[in-house]
Amino acid sequence: MAVRTGRRVGVILFRGGLIFVIVGATAAISLIRGDLWDTGKPWELWFIYAIAGAGLIDQFIKIFRDYRQLPDHKLLEPFNDLLVQLLADVSRLTSANWEHVGVHAFRVKGWWRTKRLRRVKRLRVRSRPGGADIRWTKGKGPLGLSWETKEPELLNLREKLDSLTKTPDEQAFNGLGDKEKMNLSYKEYCKLIKHFAEVGAWPILDANEEPIGCIVVDIPHRGDAENNPDKRSLLEDEDVSERVAGAAELASRIMKPRH
């Protein structure tokens, strides 16, 4: 993403510099031909710089328009409508209790090393469970992995309850493989397994197919489907994944309209 963004900025700045030179040269030639050029008057040089600089400023404005983000408060209403429909669809397709299922919209915020996923909107009929209070950085947990891989990432904790408790000891956690840990710390893993049977994240991609956030669906233990004896992943279902992916696509258009 950084390389593509750098190239795009470079192209825009090159175009701006070219405009700066062309407009400046045109203004200078016009002054000379009109016998208005007088090297003893510095205002003429500043006049040329001002005209040429306008072209460069125009390119910076384009950069700002391309990369600016809508403030969170402008996303709340459209995201609420989106998540209400998604909650109904996921509950119907998975047979999970709609009063407990949670759907969330996150966006990438911050700069460089401070970037992380921050929740913009959360929808759950019941107040519990609340947020997991985890700092979702790139590559951490299903949310961070979805950001990193640009693909849906799921964490099914149902089967782990056979070998672990809802508050596993640290030694048992250390025995898990890297794929199961998802770069989560012991405390972070405990927070998830205590409350959730499954957590899934689908990336929100911009027009350049770069992640700008994710849609998250969680199924708490209390709201889990009763007709799931083999403890399979409910969110892996093709219809469910397609529905959430569609919501992520719509979220992308809400967050950053494609020109």
C-alpha atoms as a PDB file:
ATOM      1  CA  MET A   1       0.000   0.000   0.000  1.00  0.00           C
ATOM      2  CA  ALA A   2       2.784   2.419   0.946  1.00  0.00           C
ATOM      3  CA  VAL A   3       4.600   1.825  -2.369  1.00  0.00           C
ATOM      4  CA  ARG A   4       1.443   2.357  -4.432  1.00  0.00           C
ATOM      5  CA  THR A   5       0.540   5.473  -2.465  1.00  0.00           C
ATOM      6  CA  GLY A   6       4.085   6.848  -2.865  1.00  0.00           C
ATOM      7  CA  ARG A   7       3.989   6.315  -6.619  1.00  0.00           C
ATOM      8  CA  ARG A   8       0.631   8.015  -6.889  1.00  0.00           C
ATOM      9  CA  VAL A   9       1.810  11.030  -4.896  1.00  0.00           C
ATOM     10  CA  GLY A  10       4.985  11.137  -6.999  1.00  0.00           C
ATOM     11  CA  VAL A  11       2.984  11.219 -10.236  1.00  0.00           C
ATOM     12  CA  ILE A  12       0.752  13.987  -8.930  1.00  0.00           C
ATOM     13  CA  LEU A  13       3.731  16.062  -7.782  1.00  0.00           C
ATOM     14  CA  PHE A  14       5.483  15.525 -11.125  1.00  0.00           C
ATOM     15  CA  ARG A  15       2.396  16.768 -12.938  1.00  0.00           C
ATOM     16  CA  GLY A  16       2.234  19.733 -10.587  1.00  0.00           C
ATOM     17  CA  GLY A  17       5.901  20.562 -11.196  1.00  0.00           C
ATOM     18  CA  LEU A  18       5.416  20.307 -14.938  1.00  0.00           C
ATOM     19  CA  ILE A  19       2.448  22.660 -14.742  1.00  0.00           C
ATOM     20  CA  PHE A  20       4.555  24.999 -12.595  1.00  0.00           C
ATOM     21  CA  VAL A  21       7.275  25.163 -15.288  1.00  0.00           C
ATOM     22  CA  ILE A  22       4.897  25.483 -18.252  1.00  0.00           C
ATOM     23  CA  VAL A  23       2.702  28.164 -16.691  1.00  0.00           C
ATOM     24  CA  GLY A  24       5.733  30.074 -15.403  1.00  0.00           C
ATOM     25  CA  ALA A  25       7.432  30.015 -18.798  1.00  0.00           C
ATOM     26  CA  THR A  26       4.208  31.070 -20.533  1.00  0.00           C
ATOM     27  CA  ALA A  27       3.779  34.005 -18.150  1.00  0.00           C
ATOM     28  CA  ALA A  28       7.398  35.092 -18.648  1.00  0.00           C
ATOM     29  CA  ILE A  29       7.102  34.932 -22.451  1.00  0.00           C
ATOM     30  CA  SER A  30       3.872  36.947 -22.335  1.00  0.00           C
ATOM     31  CA  LEU A  31       5.543  39.664 -20.259  1.00  0.00           C
ATOM     32  CA  ILE A  32       8.544  39.815 -22.586  1.00  0.00           C
ATOM     33  CA  ARG A  33       6.451  39.982 -25.750  1.00  0.00           C
ATOM     34  CA  GLY A  34       4.296  42.698 -24.266  1.00  0.00           C
ATOM     35  CA  ASP A  35       7.360  44.760 -23.281  1.00  0.00           C
ATOM     36  CA  LEU A  36       6.289  44.467 -19.663  1.00  0.00           C
ATOM     37  CA  TRP A  37       9.372  42.627 -18.506  1.00  0.00           C
ATOM     38  CA  ASP A  38      11.715  44.722 -16.443  1.00  0.00           C
ATOM     39  CA  THR A  39      14.361  42.800 -14.506  1.00  0.00           C
ATOM     40  CA  GLY A  40      14.650  45.741 -12.158  1.00  0.00           C
ATOM     41  CA  LYS A  41      11.147  45.152 -10.822  1.00  0.00           C
ATOM     42  CA  PRO A  42      10.928  42.082  -8.569  1.00  0.00           C
ATOM     43  CA  TRP A  43       7.118  42.047  -8.616  1.00  0.00           C
ATOM     44  CA  GLU A  44       7.203  40.550 -12.133  1.00  0.00           C
ATOM     45  CA  LEU A  45       9.100  37.502 -10.905  1.00  0.00           C
ATOM     46  CA  TRP A  46       6.745  37.069  -7.969  1.00  0.00           C
ATOM     47  CA  PHE A  47       3.806  37.390 -10.335  1.00  0.00           C
ATOM     48  CA  ILE A  48       5.130  34.478 -12.405  1.00  0.00           C
ATOM     49  CA  TYR A  49       5.718  32.404  -9.282  1.00  0.00           C
ATOM     50  CA  ALA A  50       2.160  33.085  -8.113  1.00  0.00           C
ATOM     51  CA  ILE A  51       0.621  31.979 -11.414  1.00  0.00           C
ATOM     52  CA  ALA A  52       2.792  28.889 -11.695  1.00  0.00           C
ATOM     53  CA  GLY A  53       2.326  28.025  -8.026  1.00  0.00           C
ATOM     54  CA  ALA A  54      -1.437  27.921  -8.513  1.00  0.00           C
ATOM     55  CA  GLY A  55      -0.997  24.812 -10.656  1.00  0.00           C
ATOM     56  CA  LEU A  56       1.081  23.108  -7.964  1.00  0.00           C
ATOM     57  CA  ILE A  57      -1.431  24.022  -5.252  1.00  0.00           C
ATOM     58  CA  ASP A  58      -4.179  22.517  -7.414  1.00  0.00           C
ATOM     59  CA  GLN A  59      -2.311  19.201  -7.399  1.00  0.00           C
ATOM     60  CA  PHE A  60      -1.986  19.270  -3.595  1.00  0.00           C
ATOM     61  CA  ILE A  61      -5.726  19.873  -3.334  1.00  0.00           C
ATOM     62  CA  LYS A  62      -6.302  16.759  -5.456  1.00  0.00           C
ATOM     63  CA  ILE A  63      -4.094  14.740  -3.106  1.00  0.00           C
ATOM     64  CA  PHE A  64      -6.116  15.979  -0.127  1.00  0.00           C
ATOM     65  CA  ARG A  65      -9.417  15.131  -1.802  1.00  0.00           C
ATOM     66  CA  ASP A  66      -8.218  11.649  -2.697  1.00  0.00           C
ATOM     67  CA  TYR A  67      -6.985  10.770   0.782  1.00  0.00           C
ATOM     68  CA  ARG A  68      -9.272  12.658   3.135  1.00  0.00           C
ATOM     69  CA  GLN A  69     -11.623  10.635   5.304  1.00  0.00           C
ATOM     70  CA  LEU A  70     -15.158  11.422   6.297  1.00  0.00           C
ATOM     71  CA  PRO A  71     -15.447  12.151  10.031  1.00  0.00           C
ATOM     72  CA  ASP A  72     -16.876   9.303  12.109  1.00  0.00           C
ATOM     73  CA  HIS A  73     -20.066  11.139  13.023  1.00  0.00           C
ATOM     74  CA  LYS A  74     -21.066  11.335   9.341  1.00  0.00           C
ATOM     75  CA  LEU A  75     -20.822   7.554   9.087  1.00  0.00           C
ATOM     76  CA  LEU A  76     -23.015   6.687  12.059  1.00  0.00           C
ATOM     77  CA  GLU A  77     -26.425   6.912  10.382  1.00  0.00           C
ATOM     78  CA  PRO A  78     -25.561   5.061   7.131  1.00  0.00           C
ATOM     79  CA  PHE A  79     -23.576   2.453   9.062  1.00  0.00           C
ATOM     80  CA  ASN A  80     -26.475   1.935  11.456  1.00  0.00           C
ATOM     81  CA  ASP A  81     -28.832   1.115   8.574  1.00  0.00           C
ATOM     82  CA  LEU A  82     -26.211  -1.178   7.058  1.00  0.00           C
ATOM     83  CA  LEU A  83     -25.562  -3.075  10.302  1.00  0.00           C
ATOM     84  CA  VAL A  84     -29.252  -3.459  11.189  1.00  0.00           C
ATOM     85  CA  GLN A  85     -29.855  -5.315   7.923  1.00  0.00           C
ATOM     86  CA  LEU A  86     -26.655  -7.320   8.329  1.00  0.00           C
ATOM     87  CA  LEU A  87     -27.600  -8.385  11.864  1.00  0.00           C
ATOM     88  CA  ALA A  88     -30.964  -9.661  10.639  1.00  0.00           C
ATOM     89  CA  ASP A  89     -29.384 -11.549   7.726  1.00  0.00           C
ATOM     90  CA  VAL A  90     -26.613 -13.177   9.781  1.00  0.00           C
ATOM     91  CA  SER A  91     -29.025 -14.267  12.513  1.00  0.00           C
ATOM     92  CA  ARG A  92     -31.390 -15.783   9.954  1.00  0.00           C
ATOM     93  CA  LEU A  93     -28.675 -17.599   8.013  1.00  0.00           C
ATOM     94  CA  THR A  94     -26.807 -18.959  11.059  1.00  0.00           C
ATOM     95  CA  SER A  95     -29.800 -19.572  13.373  1.00  0.00           C
ATOM     96  CA  ALA A  96     -27.855 -17.712  16.077  1.00  0.00           C
ATOM     97  CA  ASN A  97     -29.869 -15.680  18.577  1.00  0.00           C
ATOM     98  CA  TRP A  98     -30.352 -12.234  17.032  1.00  0.00           C
ATOM     99  CA  GLU A  99     -30.461 -10.630  20.476  1.00  0.00           C
ATOM    100  CA  HIS A 100     -26.861 -11.628  21.144  1.00  0.00           C
ATOM    101  CA  VAL A 101     -25.146 -11.513  17.740  1.00  0.00           C
ATOM    102  CA  GLY A 102     -22.927  -8.460  17.287  1.00  0.00           C
ATOM    103  CA  VAL A 103     -22.012  -6.611  14.065  1.00  0.00           C
ATOM    104  CA  HIS A 104     -19.430  -3.854  13.933  1.00  0.00           C
ATOM    105  CA  ALA A 105     -17.793  -1.433  11.510  1.00  0.00           C
ATOM    106  CA  PHE A 106     -14.126  -0.545  11.987  1.00  0.00           C
ATOM    107  CA  ARG A 107     -11.877   1.818  10.069  1.00  0.00           C
ATOM    108  CA  VAL A 108      -8.116   2.193   9.826  1.00  0.00           C
ATOM    109  CA  LYS A 109      -7.023   5.279  11.748  1.00  0.00           C
ATOM    110  CA  GLY A 110      -3.675   6.847  12.568  1.00  0.00           C
ATOM    111  CA  TRP A 111      -0.404   7.294  10.728  1.00  0.00           C
ATOM    112  CA  TRP A 112       2.503   4.939  10.053  1.00  0.00           C
ATOM    113  CA  ARG A 113       3.328   3.006  13.240  1.00  0.00           C
ATOM    114  CA  THR A 114       0.287   4.367  15.101  1.00  0.00           C
ATOM    115  CA  LYS A 115      -2.208   2.854  12.638  1.00  0.00           C
ATOM    116  CA  ARG A 116      -4.857   0.588  14.076  1.00  0.00           C
ATOM    117  CA  LEU A 117      -8.478  -0.400  13.576  1.00  0.00           C
ATOM    118  CA  ARG A 118     -10.936   1.742  15.518  1.00  0.00           C
ATOM    119  CA  ARG A 119     -14.608   0.935  15.910  1.00  0.00           C
ATOM    120  CA  VAL A 120     -16.948   3.407  14.223  1.00  0.00           C
ATOM    121  CA  LYS A 121     -20.258   1.663  14.912  1.00  0.00           C
ATOM    122  CA  ARG A 122     -21.359  -1.285  17.066  1.00  0.00           C
ATOM    123  CA  LEU A 123     -24.770  -2.951  16.961  1.00  0.00           C
ATOM    124  CA  ARG A 124     -25.952  -5.548  19.483  1.00  0.00           C
ATOM    125  CA  VAL A 125     -29.428  -5.689  21.003  1.00  0.00           C
ATOM    126  CA  ARG A 126     -28.080  -6.875  24.371  1.00  0.00           C
ATOM    127  CA  SER A 127     -25.488  -4.752  26.123  1.00  0.00           C
ATOM    128  CA  ARG A 128     -23.323  -7.811  26.898  1.00  0.00           C
ATOM    129  CA  PRO A 129     -20.775  -8.798  25.899  1.00  0.00           C
ATOM    130  CA  GLY A 130     -19.215  -5.397  25.418  1.00  0.00           C
ATOM    131  CA  GLY A 131     -16.094  -4.543  23.477  1.00  0.00           C
ATOM    132  CA  ALA A 132     -13.078  -6.818  23.850  1.00  0.00           C
ATOM    133  CA  ASP A 133     -10.831  -3.815  24.588  1.00  0.00           C
ATOM    134  CA  ILE A 134      -8.057  -5.070  22.306  1.00  0.00           C
ATOM    135  CA  ARG A 135      -5.771  -2.817  20.292  1.00  0.00           C
ATOM    136  CA  TRP A 136      -6.364  -4.184  16.796  1.00  0.00           C
ATOM    137  CA  THR A 137      -3.145  -3.610  14.896  1.00  0.00           C
ATOM    138  CA  LYS A 138      -2.213  -5.029  11.507  1.00  0.00           C
ATOM    139  CA  GLY A 139      -1.851  -8.805  11.705  1.00  0.00           C
ATOM    140  CA  LYS A 140      -3.413  -9.227  15.163  1.00  0.00           C
ATOM    141  CA  GLY A 141      -6.508 -11.370  15.586  1.00  0.00           C
ATOM    142  CA  PRO A 142      -9.121 -11.883  12.863  1.00  0.00           C
ATOM    143  CA  LEU A 143      -9.488  -8.116  12.457  1.00  0.00           C
ATOM    144  CA  GLY A 144      -5.798  -7.380  12.031  1.00  0.00           C
ATOM    145  CA  LEU A 145      -5.256 -10.420   9.807  1.00  0.00           C
ATOM    146  CA  SER A 146      -8.126  -9.354   7.562  1.00  0.00           C
ATOM    147  CA  TRP A 147      -6.422  -5.971   7.270  1.00  0.00           C
ATOM    148  CA  GLU A 148      -3.128  -7.684   6.399  1.00  0.00           C
ATOM    149  CA  THR A 149      -4.364 -10.382   4.009  1.00  0.00           C
ATOM    150  CA  LYS A 150      -7.268  -8.430   2.458  1.00  0.00           C
ATOM    151  CA  GLU A 151      -9.353 -11.582   2.913  1.00  0.00           C
ATOM    152  CA  PRO A 152     -12.058 -12.684   5.393  1.00  0.00           C
ATOM    153  CA  GLU A 153     -10.506 -14.100   8.573  1.00  0.00           C
ATOM    154  CA  LEU A 154     -12.393 -16.246  11.086  1.00  0.00           C
ATOM    155  CA  LEU A 155     -11.626 -17.376  14.620  1.00  0.00           C
ATOM    156  CA  ASN A 156     -13.765 -20.334  15.765  1.00  0.00           C
ATOM    157  CA  LEU A 157     -13.371 -20.784  19.522  1.00  0.00           C
ATOM    158  CA  ARG A 158     -16.064 -23.460  20.023  1.00  0.00           C
ATOM    159  CA  GLU A 159     -13.770 -26.440  19.484  1.00  0.00           C
ATOM    160  CA  LYS A 160     -11.116 -24.945  21.754  1.00  0.00           C
ATOM    161  CA  LEU A 161     -13.448 -25.199  24.711  1.00  0.00           C
ATOM    162  CA  ASP A 162     -12.978 -28.979  24.596  1.00  0.00           C
ATOM    163  CA  SER A 163      -9.304 -28.628  25.452  1.00  0.00           C
ATOM    164  CA  LEU A 164      -9.320 -25.171  27.051  1.00  0.00           C
ATOM    165  CA  THR A 165     -11.640 -23.478  29.494  1.00  0.00           C
ATOM    166  CA  LYS A 166     -13.089 -20.005  29.096  1.00  0.00           C
ATOM    167  CA  THR A 167     -10.133 -18.827  31.184  1.00  0.00           C
ATOM    168  CA  PRO A 168      -7.275 -21.084  29.972  1.00  0.00           C
ATOM    169  CA  ASP A 169      -3.990 -21.136  31.844  1.00  0.00           C
ATOM    170  CA  GLU A 170      -1.024 -19.567  30.096  1.00  0.00           C
ATOM    171  CA  GLN A 171       0.743 -22.884  29.562  1.00  0.00           C
ATOM    172  CA  ALA A 172      -2.257 -24.257  27.647  1.00  0.00           C
ATOM    173  CA  PHE A 173      -2.351 -21.095  25.553  1.00  0.00           C
ATOM    174  CA  ASN A 174       1.361 -21.383  24.734  1.00  0.00           C
ATOM    175  CA  GLY A 175       0.671 -24.876  23.427  1.00  0.00           C
ATOM    176  CA  LEU A 176      -1.523 -23.522  20.652  1.00  0.00           C
ATOM    177  CA  GLY A 177      -0.140 -23.096  17.147  1.00  0.00           C
ATOM    178  CA  ASP A 178       0.543 -19.699  15.592  1.00  0.00           C
ATOM    179  CA  LYS A 179      -2.501 -20.027  13.333  1.00  0.00           C
ATOM    180  CA  GLU A 180      -4.732 -20.532  16.359  1.00  0.00           C
ATOM    181  CA  LYS A 181      -3.185 -17.678  18.345  1.00  0.00           C
ATOM    182  CA  MET A 182      -3.495 -15.190  15.466  1.00  0.00           C
ATOM    183  CA  ASN A 183      -0.739 -13.052  17.044  1.00  0.00           C
ATOM    184  CA  LEU A 184      -2.916 -12.468  20.112  1.00  0.00           C
ATOM    185  CA  SER A 185      -1.371 -12.256  23.553  1.00  0.00           C
ATOM    186  CA  TYR A 186      -2.493 -14.592  26.340  1.00  0.00           C
ATOM    187  CA  LYS A 187      -4.687 -11.923  27.959  1.00  0.00           C
ATOM    188  CA  GLU A 188      -6.230 -10.909  24.638  1.00  0.00           C
ATOM    189  CA  TYR A 189      -7.042 -14.526  23.775  1.00  0.00           C
ATOM    190  CA  CYS A 190      -8.676 -14.993  27.184  1.00  0.00           C
ATOM    191  CA  LYS A 191     -10.887 -11.954  26.581  1.00  0.00           C
ATOM    192  CA  LEU A 192     -12.172 -13.474  23.342  1.00  0.00           C
ATOM    193  CA  ILE A 193     -12.643 -17.090  24.387  1.00  0.00           C
ATOM    194  CA  LYS A 194     -14.449 -16.029  27.554  1.00  0.00           C
ATOM    195  CA  HIS A 195     -17.291 -14.382  25.672  1.00  0.00           C
ATOM    196  CA  PHE A 196     -17.285 -15.398  22.011  1.00  0.00           C
ATOM    197  CA  ALA A 197     -17.900 -18.647  20.180  1.00  0.00           C
ATOM    198  CA  GLU A 198     -16.770 -17.105  16.899  1.00  0.00           C
ATOM    199  CA  VAL A 199     -15.414 -13.839  15.529  1.00  0.00           C
ATOM    200  CA  GLY A 200     -15.102 -13.021  11.829  1.00  0.00           C
ATOM    201  CA  ALA A 201     -13.743 -10.008   9.950  1.00  0.00           C
ATOM    202  CA  TRP A 202     -14.231  -8.993   6.308  1.00  0.00           C
ATOM    203  CA  PRO A 203     -12.015  -6.251   4.835  1.00  0.00           C
ATOM    204  CA  ILE A 204     -13.386  -2.960   3.562  1.00  0.00           C
ATOM    205  CA  LEU A 205     -11.330  -2.084   0.456  1.00  0.00           C
ATOM    206  CA  ASP A 206     -11.049   1.265  -1.301  1.00  0.00           C
ATOM    207  CA  ALA A 207     -11.023   1.867  -5.070  1.00  0.00           C
ATOM    208  CA  ASN A 208      -7.377   0.751  -5.198  1.00  0.00           C
ATOM    209  CA  GLU A 209      -8.197  -2.527  -3.405  1.00  0.00           C
ATOM    210  CA  GLU A 210      -6.398  -1.330  -0.272  1.00  0.00           C
ATOM    211  CA  PRO A 211      -7.898  -1.958   3.215  1.00  0.00           C
ATOM    212  CA  ILE A 212      -9.499   1.038   4.917  1.00  0.00           C
ATOM    213  CA  GLY A 213     -11.420  -0.887   7.566  1.00  0.00           C
ATOM    214  CA  CYS A 214     -13.403  -4.062   8.177  1.00  0.00           C
ATOM    215  CA  ILE A 215     -16.859  -5.390   8.975  1.00  0.00           C
ATOM    216  CA  VAL A 216     -16.875  -7.684  12.021  1.00  0.00           C
ATOM    217  CA  VAL A 217     -19.444 -10.259  13.088  1.00  0.00           C
ATOM    218  CA  ASP A 218     -19.295 -12.038  16.450  1.00  0.00           C
ATOM    219  CA  ILE A 219     -21.418 -14.828  17.896  1.00  0.00           C
ATOM    220  CA  PRO A 220     -21.276 -15.005  21.723  1.00  0.00           C
ATOM    221  CA  HIS A 221     -21.479 -18.352  23.518  1.00  0.00           C
ATOM    222  CA  ARG A 222     -24.890 -17.424  24.917  1.00  0.00           C
ATOM    223  CA  GLY A 223     -26.359 -16.658  21.513  1.00  0.00           C
ATOM    224  CA  ASP A 224     -24.749 -19.552  19.638  1.00  0.00           C
ATOM    225  CA  ALA A 225     -26.914 -21.799  17.480  1.00  0.00           C
ATOM    226  CA  GLU A 226     -28.181 -24.878  19.347  1.00  0.00           C
ATOM    227  CA  ASN A 227     -28.231 -27.090  16.240  1.00  0.00           C
ATOM    228  CA  ASN A 228     -24.448 -27.092  15.798  1.00  0.00           C
ATOM    229  CA  PRO A 229     -23.244 -30.280  17.546  1.00  0.00           C
ATOM    230  CA  ASP A 230     -20.020 -30.556  15.522  1.00  0.00           C
ATOM    231  CA  LYS A 231     -19.081 -26.996  16.520  1.00  0.00           C
ATOM    232  CA  ARG A 232     -18.423 -25.962  12.946  1.00  0.00           C
ATOM    233  CA  SER A 233     -17.858 -22.358  11.910  1.00  0.00           C
ATOM    234  CA  LEU A 234     -21.215 -20.736  11.170  1.00  0.00           C
ATOM    235  CA  LEU A 235     -19.621 -17.694   9.556  1.00  0.00           C
ATOM    236  CA  GLU A 236     -17.804 -19.836   6.989  1.00  0.00           C
ATOM    237  CA  ASP A 237     -21.132 -20.586   5.356  1.00  0.00           C
ATOM    238  CA  GLU A 238     -21.039 -19.359   1.760  1.00  0.00           C
ATOM    239  CA  ASP A 239     -24.301 -17.406   2.008  1.00  0.00           C
ATOM    240  CA  VAL A 240     -23.210 -15.725   5.245  1.00  0.00           C
ATOM    241  CA  SER A 241     -19.778 -14.806   3.902  1.00  0.00           C
ATOM    242  CA  GLU A 242     -21.288 -13.449   0.695  1.00  0.00           C
ATOM    243  CA  ARG A 243     -23.755 -11.310   2.653  1.00  0.00           C
ATOM    244  CA  VAL A 244     -21.067  -9.838   4.919  1.00  0.00           C
ATOM    245  CA  ALA A 245     -18.745  -9.254   1.943  1.00  0.00           C
ATOM    246  CA  GLY A 246     -21.571  -7.326   0.287  1.00  0.00           C
ATOM    247  CA  ALA A 247     -21.946  -5.205   3.406  1.00  0.00           C
ATOM    248  CA  ALA A 248     -18.198  -4.501   3.352  1.00  0.00           C
ATOM    249  CA  GLU A 249     -18.476  -3.401  -0.288  1.00  0.00           C
ATOM    250  CA  LEU A 250     -21.302  -1.022   0.581  1.00  0.00           C
ATOM    251  CA  ALA A 251     -19.325   0.252   3.582  1.00  0.00           C
ATOM    252  CA  SER A 252     -16.469   1.072   1.225  1.00  0.00           C
ATOM    253  CA  ARG A 253     -18.750   3.243  -0.883  1.00  0.00           C
ATOM    254  CA  ILE A 254     -20.081   4.967   2.227  1.00  0.00           C
ATOM    255  CA  MET A 255     -16.615   5.670   3.618  1.00  0.00           C
ATOM    256  CA  LYS A 256     -14.938   6.688   0.381  1.00  0.00           C
ATOM    257  CA  PRO A 257     -17.166   7.153  -2.686  1.00  0.00           C
ATOM    258  CA  ARG A 258     -15.526   5.896  -5.876  1.00  0.00           C
ATOM    259  CA  HIS A 259     -15.187   8.701  -8.409  1.00  0.00           C
END
